[in-house]
Structure formats: C-alpha cells, structure tokens
C-alpha cells in the first residue's frame, strides 16, 4: 500500500465523487479508479457500495477513511516537526577538546553557538587528542578538536587553524634576550612538555629529532597552566603555539619566534560515515564560519 493511495482515497471521500477529486488533485479518474481497486484488493474489503449511484462508504470504507486521515495527519506533522528540527536544532553534543585547545577556543564556541542555538547543549570532555580520537571511534563522543594530521580513513576533518610554534622561556632565561631562535639552539635545554597522551608531546619530540637532538624532558604535565608555571620558575623551556601567549602573564614569560617555525594545525573531526544530527551539523557550520582557516 502506497501513501499516495491513502491520499487519493481520502480525496475521493471528501469531494464526494471521483470526478471532483480528480479535478482537485490533478489526477485522472482512471488513476483514482485503479487506486481504489488496488486498495480493495490489498485490504480484501469493499470500500464503496456499488449498488447506488451516490458515493457511499461501506463500514470497512469508513474504518479505512478514519485511519487514513490519522496516517496522513501524522505524516504531515512529521514533516513539520522535521522542518522545525532543521531550523531549530535541539539535543546534546558531546565534544572532546584537549585542555590547551579548550582554554583557547571553547569559551568562544560555547558563548556564540549557544546564543544562536539555545536548545542545543554542549557537553565538554577534556582529554589528550589521542584519547579523543579513540572516544570518537567508539562513538562515546560526537565530535572533537584534534591536532592534525589524523587518520582520514577513520575521520572526516574540517581544518580550522594553522599557527606557528614559539619558544617560551622565563624572562630570566638567557634565551629571553634573543629576537629569534633556531631549533638547534635548544639541544642542551631542559624541556617541559605535555604528557605522552597529548599529540603535542610527540610532535615536539619529532621536530627536535629532525634537528638532530632528542629533547631533555625534565617535567611533563597534562595541564598547560602548570607547564607555564614551571617555565616561569625557570625549570625548563617549552614550545607552544603563538596564541597561548595571550593567556599568559607577559611580564613573567617570554615568547620568542623560531627561525624555521613549524605549525600547529587544528581540525574538527567526526567519525567517518557516522550520522550527523541536525544539532551537530549546525555546530560544524558555525565552526566553519567562526574559524575560517588562515595560512
């Protein structure tokens, strides 16, 4: 039984004749006749009394008509609800963000997005990028912000930021006097880094190895502000993206450009081929507009 069969049948009943219904819904009378015959065959009942010239419903026809109206009404309501959902998304989005990225970007995202979509709640989950990738693969969270590159076989990626790394030292450190630093000059320095579950940990190590040295890591932390305090105490240096300097006390910490800087690349990632709710689609559209990628 097709949905159109029910619509044609109710039109015949409500207009009182095949000809009037045909004219109103722009369907030929033979088509309506075939529709009624098909319905009667599928339902194994007679819908109209055939012994009178006036169109009269049988008891089965009355039942089918009442149920058909409910089905059509419910279907029409479904379309209205879906249109409303697309225009006014609702629900919760679980978003995974590493602490450093969350500090820099989540307040802005939460403030502006929830202002536009007040019926969507953002549930922040803070972990290192590696853990976030696993949570997305396990469908425990909906979306994450990660340090790129990631495995594009597993994730759809929306790049949002490219930014240079800088050397961060205390203002008392000898390197603080420099205007620019080559990575090779850090070969004998003590490093304070994120713990290994953070992508920045491996990224910095690999860049140091490409400069022919392995960093002497004296402290590791999962908190960027603790790393900052250790650098301020002159217990080591670190490498952070340029933007993080805006969050620091610039009277205590010096950020120095690198001669051959490498990039901090961020992207919003979702699980490949997963269904994206209207709320999540709205968030991705917002991020795309709010963070146009700048090289």
Protein backbone atom coordinates (compact mmCIF):
# COMPACT_ATOMS: atom_id res chain seq x y z
CA UNK A 1 0.00 0.00 0.00
CA UNK A 2 1.41 3.37 -1.03
CA UNK A 3 0.97 6.59 0.93
CA UNK A 4 -0.40 8.19 -2.24
CA UNK A 5 -3.15 5.52 -2.33
CA UNK A 6 -4.45 6.74 1.02
CA UNK A 7 -4.26 10.40 -0.07
CA UNK A 8 -6.21 9.64 -3.26
CA UNK A 9 -8.80 7.61 -1.37
CA UNK A 10 -9.44 10.34 1.22
CA UNK A 11 -9.71 12.93 -1.58
CA UNK A 12 -12.44 10.84 -3.26
CA UNK A 13 -14.36 10.56 0.01
CA UNK A 14 -14.02 14.24 0.92
CA UNK A 15 -15.03 15.53 -2.52
CA UNK A 16 -17.91 13.09 -2.84
CA UNK A 17 -17.01 11.84 -6.32
CA UNK A 18 -14.18 10.54 -8.45
CA UNK A 19 -14.50 13.38 -10.95
CA UNK A 20 -14.36 16.19 -8.38
CA UNK A 21 -11.42 14.56 -6.61
CA UNK A 22 -9.59 14.11 -9.92
CA UNK A 23 -10.05 17.79 -10.77
CA UNK A 24 -8.93 18.92 -7.34
CA UNK A 25 -5.75 16.87 -7.02
CA UNK A 26 -4.90 16.90 -10.75
CA UNK A 27 -5.06 13.13 -11.21
CA UNK A 28 -7.06 11.33 -13.90
CA UNK A 29 -10.25 9.47 -12.99
CA UNK A 30 -8.90 6.16 -14.31
CA UNK A 31 -5.94 6.54 -11.95
CA UNK A 32 -8.28 7.06 -8.99
CA UNK A 33 -10.38 4.07 -10.03
CA UNK A 34 -7.27 1.88 -10.21
CA UNK A 35 -6.17 3.17 -6.80
CA UNK A 36 -9.45 2.18 -5.17
CA UNK A 37 -9.41 -1.27 -6.80
CA UNK A 38 -5.81 -1.80 -5.66
CA UNK A 39 -6.66 -0.77 -2.11
CA UNK A 40 -9.67 -3.08 -2.00
CA UNK A 41 -7.54 -5.94 -3.30
CA UNK A 42 -4.75 -5.36 -0.81
CA UNK A 43 -7.10 -4.90 2.13
CA UNK A 44 -9.52 -7.60 0.95
CA UNK A 45 -12.57 -5.40 1.55
CA UNK A 46 -15.03 -3.26 -0.42
CA UNK A 47 -14.60 0.45 0.26
CA UNK A 48 -17.66 1.81 -1.57
CA UNK A 49 -21.16 0.44 -2.00
CA UNK A 50 -21.57 -0.44 -5.65
CA UNK A 51 -25.40 -0.70 -5.62
CA UNK A 52 -26.08 3.06 -5.50
CA UNK A 53 -25.27 5.92 -7.85
CA UNK A 54 -24.28 8.06 -4.87
CA UNK A 55 -20.80 7.54 -3.41
CA UNK A 56 -21.37 5.75 -0.11
CA UNK A 57 -18.69 4.21 2.08
CA UNK A 58 -19.06 0.66 3.40
CA UNK A 59 -18.37 0.02 7.06
CA UNK A 60 -14.87 -1.10 6.06
CA UNK A 61 -14.53 2.03 3.92
CA UNK A 62 -15.41 4.24 6.89
CA UNK A 63 -12.77 2.50 9.01
CA UNK A 64 -10.12 2.84 6.31
CA UNK A 65 -11.03 6.51 5.81
CA UNK A 66 -10.69 7.33 9.54
CA UNK A 67 -7.35 5.53 9.81
CA UNK A 68 -6.11 7.05 6.56
CA UNK A 69 -6.78 10.55 7.93
CA UNK A 70 -4.73 9.71 11.03
CA UNK A 71 -1.86 8.37 8.94
CA UNK A 72 -1.89 11.41 6.64
CA UNK A 73 -2.13 13.78 9.60
CA UNK A 74 0.73 12.07 11.43
CA UNK A 75 2.87 12.12 8.28
CA UNK A 76 2.20 15.81 7.70
CA UNK A 77 3.04 16.51 11.34
CA UNK A 78 6.27 14.54 10.92
CA UNK A 79 7.34 16.79 8.06
CA UNK A 80 6.51 19.88 10.10
CA UNK A 81 8.49 18.57 13.08
CA UNK A 82 11.47 17.70 10.88
CA UNK A 83 11.43 21.15 9.29
CA UNK A 84 11.28 22.69 12.76
CA UNK A 85 14.17 20.49 13.90
CA UNK A 86 16.26 21.56 10.92
CA UNK A 87 15.51 25.22 11.62
CA UNK A 88 15.76 24.93 15.42
CA UNK A 89 18.07 22.02 16.36
CA UNK A 90 17.82 20.52 19.84
CA UNK A 91 19.76 17.99 21.88
CA UNK A 92 23.20 17.49 23.34
CA UNK A 93 26.56 17.39 21.59
CA UNK A 94 29.47 15.66 23.32
CA UNK A 95 32.58 17.49 22.20
CA UNK A 96 36.11 16.35 23.04
CA UNK A 97 38.80 19.01 23.33
CA UNK A 98 42.38 18.83 24.66
CA UNK A 99 42.82 21.21 27.64
CA UNK A 100 45.06 23.69 25.80
CA UNK A 101 42.65 23.92 22.86
CA UNK A 102 39.69 24.13 25.21
CA UNK A 103 41.24 27.07 27.03
CA UNK A 104 41.79 28.95 23.80
CA UNK A 105 38.63 28.22 21.87
CA UNK A 106 35.83 26.53 23.81
CA UNK A 107 34.55 29.61 25.68
CA UNK A 108 34.13 31.45 22.38
CA UNK A 109 32.42 28.48 20.74
CA UNK A 110 30.10 27.90 23.70
CA UNK A 111 29.11 31.55 24.07
CA UNK A 112 28.31 32.31 20.44
CA UNK A 113 26.90 28.92 19.42
CA UNK A 114 24.53 28.59 22.37
CA UNK A 115 23.35 32.14 21.78
CA UNK A 116 22.25 31.11 18.26
CA UNK A 117 21.08 27.60 19.22
CA UNK A 118 19.81 27.84 22.82
CA UNK A 119 18.18 24.40 22.71
CA UNK A 120 21.48 22.63 21.97
CA UNK A 121 23.76 21.91 24.93
CA UNK A 122 27.50 21.37 24.54
CA UNK A 123 28.96 18.75 26.87
CA UNK A 124 32.72 19.37 27.11
CA UNK A 125 35.02 16.37 27.61
CA UNK A 126 38.71 17.16 28.11
CA UNK A 127 41.37 14.60 27.17
CA UNK A 128 44.51 14.45 25.09
CA UNK A 129 43.98 14.28 21.33
CA UNK A 130 44.84 10.57 21.14
CA UNK A 131 42.17 9.70 23.72
CA UNK A 132 39.66 11.93 21.94
CA UNK A 133 40.25 10.09 18.67
CA UNK A 134 39.53 6.78 20.41
CA UNK A 135 36.38 8.14 22.06
CA UNK A 136 35.08 9.26 18.66
CA UNK A 137 35.86 5.88 17.11
CA UNK A 138 33.96 4.20 19.98
CA UNK A 139 31.03 6.63 19.45
CA UNK A 140 31.35 7.83 23.05
CA UNK A 141 31.59 11.44 21.89
CA UNK A 142 30.19 13.10 18.78
CA UNK A 143 32.96 15.43 17.67
CA UNK A 144 36.42 16.57 18.70
CA UNK A 145 39.05 19.18 18.05
CA UNK A 146 42.38 17.50 17.35
CA UNK A 147 45.91 18.28 16.33
CA UNK A 148 46.39 17.35 12.69
CA UNK A 149 47.16 15.17 10.90
CA UNK A 150 44.77 12.38 11.86
CA UNK A 151 43.90 9.20 10.00
CA UNK A 152 41.46 10.32 7.30
CA UNK A 153 40.37 6.71 6.81
CA UNK A 154 38.74 6.95 10.23
CA UNK A 155 37.75 10.61 10.41
CA UNK A 156 36.18 13.40 8.41
CA UNK A 157 38.28 16.51 9.02
CA UNK A 158 37.40 20.21 8.96
CA UNK A 159 40.70 22.15 9.23
CA UNK A 160 40.26 25.33 11.29
CA UNK A 161 43.67 26.70 12.27
CA UNK A 162 47.34 26.87 11.33
CA UNK A 163 49.65 28.65 13.72
CA UNK A 164 53.38 28.89 14.36
CA UNK A 165 55.07 27.43 17.42
CA UNK A 166 57.24 29.72 19.53
CA UNK A 167 59.84 29.12 22.24
CA UNK A 168 58.57 30.02 25.73
CA UNK A 169 61.06 30.84 28.47
CA UNK A 170 61.13 32.69 31.75
CA UNK A 171 62.20 36.32 31.46
CA UNK A 172 65.34 35.39 33.45
CA UNK A 173 66.45 32.74 30.96
CA UNK A 174 69.41 33.66 28.69
CA UNK A 175 67.33 32.80 25.61
CA UNK A 176 64.85 35.53 26.57
CA UNK A 177 67.28 38.11 25.19
CA UNK A 178 67.09 36.65 21.71
CA UNK A 179 64.88 38.02 18.95
CA UNK A 180 64.71 34.71 17.08
CA UNK A 181 65.80 31.15 17.90
CA UNK A 182 66.84 28.23 15.75
CA UNK A 183 65.52 24.89 16.99
CA UNK A 184 69.09 23.51 17.09
CA UNK A 185 69.91 26.04 19.81
CA UNK A 186 67.61 24.13 22.17
CA UNK A 187 69.62 20.90 22.05
CA UNK A 188 71.01 21.38 25.57
CA UNK A 189 67.94 22.94 27.16
CA UNK A 190 65.59 21.34 29.66
CA UNK A 191 62.07 20.85 28.26
CA UNK A 192 58.70 20.93 29.98
CA UNK A 193 56.11 19.12 27.83
CA UNK A 194 52.63 17.72 27.86
CA UNK A 195 52.36 14.06 28.85
CA UNK A 196 52.61 11.40 26.10
CA UNK A 197 48.85 11.06 25.58
CA UNK A 198 48.86 14.55 24.07
CA UNK A 199 49.70 14.97 20.40
CA UNK A 200 51.94 17.97 21.15
CA UNK A 201 54.25 15.69 23.13
CA UNK A 202 55.16 13.55 20.14
CA UNK A 203 55.05 16.47 17.70
CA UNK A 204 57.72 18.41 19.61
CA UNK A 205 59.89 15.33 20.06
CA UNK A 206 59.74 14.56 16.33
CA UNK A 207 60.66 18.12 15.40
CA UNK A 208 63.60 18.05 17.78
CA UNK A 209 64.76 14.73 16.36
CA UNK A 210 64.61 16.24 12.87
CA UNK A 211 67.02 18.89 14.19
CA UNK A 212 69.37 16.04 15.26
CA UNK A 213 68.73 16.01 19.01
CA UNK A 214 66.34 14.43 21.48
CA UNK A 215 64.82 16.89 23.96
CA UNK A 216 65.86 16.59 27.60
CA UNK A 217 62.41 16.35 29.18
CA UNK A 218 62.55 17.25 32.87
CA UNK A 219 58.83 17.68 33.57
CA UNK A 220 55.60 16.50 31.97
CA UNK A 221 52.06 17.64 32.76
CA UNK A 222 48.53 17.36 31.40
CA UNK A 223 47.84 20.99 32.37
CA UNK A 224 49.12 23.84 30.24
CA UNK A 225 48.99 26.31 33.15
CA UNK A 226 51.26 24.07 35.26
CA UNK A 227 53.68 23.85 32.35
CA UNK A 228 53.61 27.65 32.25
CA UNK A 229 54.37 27.88 35.99
CA UNK A 230 57.32 25.52 35.61
CA UNK A 231 58.68 27.62 32.77
CA UNK A 232 58.13 30.78 34.83
CA UNK A 233 60.13 29.16 37.64
CA UNK A 234 62.96 28.73 35.10
CA UNK A 235 62.85 24.94 35.43
CA UNK A 236 62.79 24.47 31.68
CA UNK A 237 61.56 25.86 28.37
CA UNK A 238 58.64 24.75 26.26
CA UNK A 239 57.19 25.13 22.79
CA UNK A 240 53.65 26.43 22.50
CA UNK A 241 51.54 27.87 19.69
CA UNK A 242 51.61 31.65 19.40
CA UNK A 243 48.00 32.17 20.59
CA UNK A 244 48.65 30.72 24.06
CA UNK A 245 50.90 33.71 24.82
CA UNK A 246 47.77 35.86 25.05
CA UNK A 247 46.69 33.78 28.09
CA UNK A 248 49.99 34.23 29.95
CA UNK A 249 51.47 36.91 32.17
CA UNK A 250 53.77 38.51 29.63
CA UNK A 251 55.79 40.12 32.42
CA UNK A 252 56.88 36.64 33.56
CA UNK A 253 57.12 34.66 30.32
CA UNK A 254 58.86 35.48 27.05
CA UNK A 255 57.71 34.04 23.73
CA UNK A 256 60.39 34.03 21.04
CA UNK A 257 59.78 33.32 17.34
CA UNK A 258 61.61 30.42 15.70
CA UNK A 259 63.87 30.78 12.69
CA UNK A 260 62.24 27.85 10.95
CA UNK A 261 58.88 27.56 12.70
CA UNK A 262 56.72 24.50 12.45
CA UNK A 263 52.96 24.67 12.54
CA UNK A 264 50.25 23.78 15.00
CA UNK A 265 47.38 22.57 12.81
CA UNK A 266 43.95 22.00 14.28
CA UNK A 267 40.86 20.41 12.85
CA UNK A 268 37.36 19.40 13.90
CA UNK A 269 37.00 15.66 13.47
CA UNK A 270 33.99 13.35 13.29
CA UNK A 271 33.80 9.62 12.73
CA UNK A 272 33.82 8.68 9.07
CA UNK A 273 30.35 7.77 7.73
CA UNK A 274 28.56 8.43 11.03
CA UNK A 275 25.13 10.05 11.05
CA UNK A 276 25.37 13.75 11.90
CA UNK A 277 22.44 15.09 13.90
CA UNK A 278 20.99 18.44 12.90
CA UNK A 279 22.48 19.90 16.08
CA UNK A 280 25.94 18.61 15.16
CA UNK A 281 25.61 19.83 11.58
CA UNK A 282 24.74 23.28 12.95
CA UNK A 283 27.86 23.23 15.15
CA UNK A 284 30.09 22.26 12.22
CA UNK A 285 28.58 25.03 10.09
CA UNK A 286 29.15 27.51 12.93
CA UNK A 287 32.79 26.46 13.38
CA UNK A 288 33.39 26.72 9.63
CA UNK A 289 32.18 30.32 9.68
CA UNK A 290 33.74 31.32 13.01
CA UNK A 291 37.19 29.90 12.28
CA UNK A 292 37.96 30.46 8.60
CA UNK A 293 41.33 28.82 8.06
CA UNK A 294 44.16 31.26 7.61
CA UNK A 295 47.55 30.08 6.43
